[in-house]
Amino acid sequence: MEWYNYIADFFAGAFLANFVPHFIYGVSGDKFPTPFAKPPGQGLSSPTTNVLWGLLNLIIGFLLFIKGSISTAQPLTWVLFFAGVAAMSIMLGKNFEKKDKE
């Protein structure tokens, strides 16, 4: 496997983890921070913006998942995928813990 497949594995996990909160808040009809809010990542965006942002993350994550050739024959691919999920999840949790306090 090429080196860039391993990078794709990590970022597939990161994009798929980022899909979850935006999509859930969006389909629930709740506002949630996105990069398009003012200020970016801190202000609240509309539910529609969150659904669209979540779906874009899903598409990118899925394409990277395929490109990364994640398979059971290569356990490192799964480790990198879940490392991406963990890294993005921790970062999102830290970033959004203050969203309801402002």
Protein backbone atom coordinates (compact mmCIF):
# COMPACT_ATOMS: atom_id res chain seq x y z
CA MET A 1 0.00 0.00 0.00
CA GLU A 2 1.17 3.53 -0.75
CA TRP A 3 1.93 6.04 2.04
CA TYR A 4 -0.96 8.32 1.03
CA ASN A 5 -3.45 5.52 1.69
CA TYR A 6 -2.50 5.65 5.36
CA ILE A 7 -3.10 9.41 5.47
CA ALA A 8 -6.47 8.84 3.76
CA ASP A 9 -7.35 6.29 6.48
CA PHE A 10 -6.73 8.81 9.26
CA PHE A 11 -8.67 11.61 7.59
CA ALA A 12 -11.52 9.28 6.65
CA GLY A 13 -12.02 8.72 10.38
CA ALA A 14 -11.77 12.43 11.12
CA PHE A 15 -14.32 13.46 8.48
CA LEU A 16 -16.75 10.69 9.43
CA ALA A 17 -16.52 11.70 13.10
CA ASN A 18 -17.20 15.32 12.14
CA PHE A 19 -20.28 14.23 10.19
CA VAL A 20 -22.07 12.98 13.29
CA PRO A 21 -22.64 16.10 15.45
CA HIS A 22 -23.46 18.39 12.54
CA PHE A 23 -25.92 15.98 11.01
CA ILE A 24 -27.60 15.11 14.33
CA TYR A 25 -28.01 18.76 15.35
CA GLY A 26 -29.19 19.66 11.87
CA VAL A 27 -31.87 16.97 11.53
CA SER A 28 -32.99 17.73 15.09
CA GLY A 29 -33.66 21.33 14.06
CA ASP A 30 -31.04 22.77 16.40
CA LYS A 31 -28.41 25.40 15.67
CA PHE A 32 -24.79 24.33 16.04
CA PRO A 33 -21.39 25.91 15.24
CA THR A 34 -19.92 25.43 11.76
CA PRO A 35 -17.03 27.05 9.90
CA PHE A 36 -19.61 29.31 8.21
CA ALA A 37 -20.88 30.91 11.44
CA LYS A 38 -19.74 34.28 12.72
CA PRO A 39 -17.25 33.93 14.32
CA PRO A 40 -16.28 30.70 12.49
CA GLY A 41 -16.61 27.61 14.66
CA GLN A 42 -18.09 29.58 17.56
CA GLY A 43 -21.26 31.23 16.32
CA LEU A 44 -24.31 29.11 15.59
CA SER A 45 -25.36 28.07 12.10
CA SER A 46 -28.85 27.07 10.96
CA PRO A 47 -30.00 23.45 11.01
CA THR A 48 -29.96 23.40 7.19
CA THR A 49 -26.34 24.56 7.12
CA ASN A 50 -25.45 21.85 9.63
CA VAL A 51 -27.17 19.11 7.61
CA LEU A 52 -25.37 20.22 4.44
CA TRP A 53 -22.01 20.52 6.26
CA GLY A 54 -22.55 17.10 7.81
CA LEU A 55 -23.39 15.52 4.46
CA LEU A 56 -20.30 17.06 2.86
CA ASN A 57 -18.20 15.54 5.65
CA LEU A 58 -19.90 12.18 5.07
CA ILE A 59 -19.14 12.26 1.35
CA ILE A 60 -15.50 13.26 1.86
CA GLY A 61 -15.06 10.69 4.65
CA PHE A 62 -16.59 7.94 2.52
CA LEU A 63 -14.39 8.76 -0.48
CA LEU A 64 -11.29 8.78 1.76
CA PHE A 65 -12.40 5.48 3.32
CA ILE A 66 -12.50 3.92 -0.14
CA LYS A 67 -9.22 5.55 -1.25
CA GLY A 68 -7.51 4.46 1.95
CA SER A 69 -8.25 0.81 1.11
CA ILE A 70 -9.22 0.04 4.69
CA SER A 71 -9.34 -3.74 5.08
CA THR A 72 -9.01 -6.50 7.63
CA ALA A 73 -5.92 -7.71 5.76
CA GLN A 74 -4.16 -4.51 6.84
CA PRO A 75 -4.86 -3.94 10.57
CA LEU A 76 -2.84 -0.69 10.55
CA THR A 77 -5.49 0.83 8.28
CA TRP A 78 -8.12 0.31 10.98
CA VAL A 79 -5.82 1.67 13.69
CA LEU A 80 -5.27 4.84 11.68
CA PHE A 81 -8.97 5.13 10.87
CA PHE A 82 -9.94 4.93 14.55
CA ALA A 83 -7.08 7.28 15.49
CA GLY A 84 -8.69 9.82 13.13
CA VAL A 85 -12.09 9.24 14.75
CA ALA A 86 -10.59 9.65 18.22
CA ALA A 87 -8.55 12.75 17.36
CA MET A 88 -11.50 14.55 15.74
CA SER A 89 -13.90 13.50 18.50
CA ILE A 90 -11.63 14.82 21.24
CA MET A 91 -11.01 18.05 19.33
CA LEU A 92 -14.74 18.57 18.72
CA GLY A 93 -15.55 17.90 22.36
CA LYS A 94 -12.99 20.44 23.54
CA ASN A 95 -14.05 23.02 20.96
CA PHE A 96 -17.80 22.75 21.53
CA GLU A 97 -17.90 22.35 25.32
CA LYS A 98 -18.48 26.10 25.67
CA LYS A 99 -21.16 26.49 22.96
CA ASP A 100 -24.10 26.56 25.40
CA LYS A 101 -22.35 28.82 27.93
CA GLU A 102 -21.98 31.84 25.66
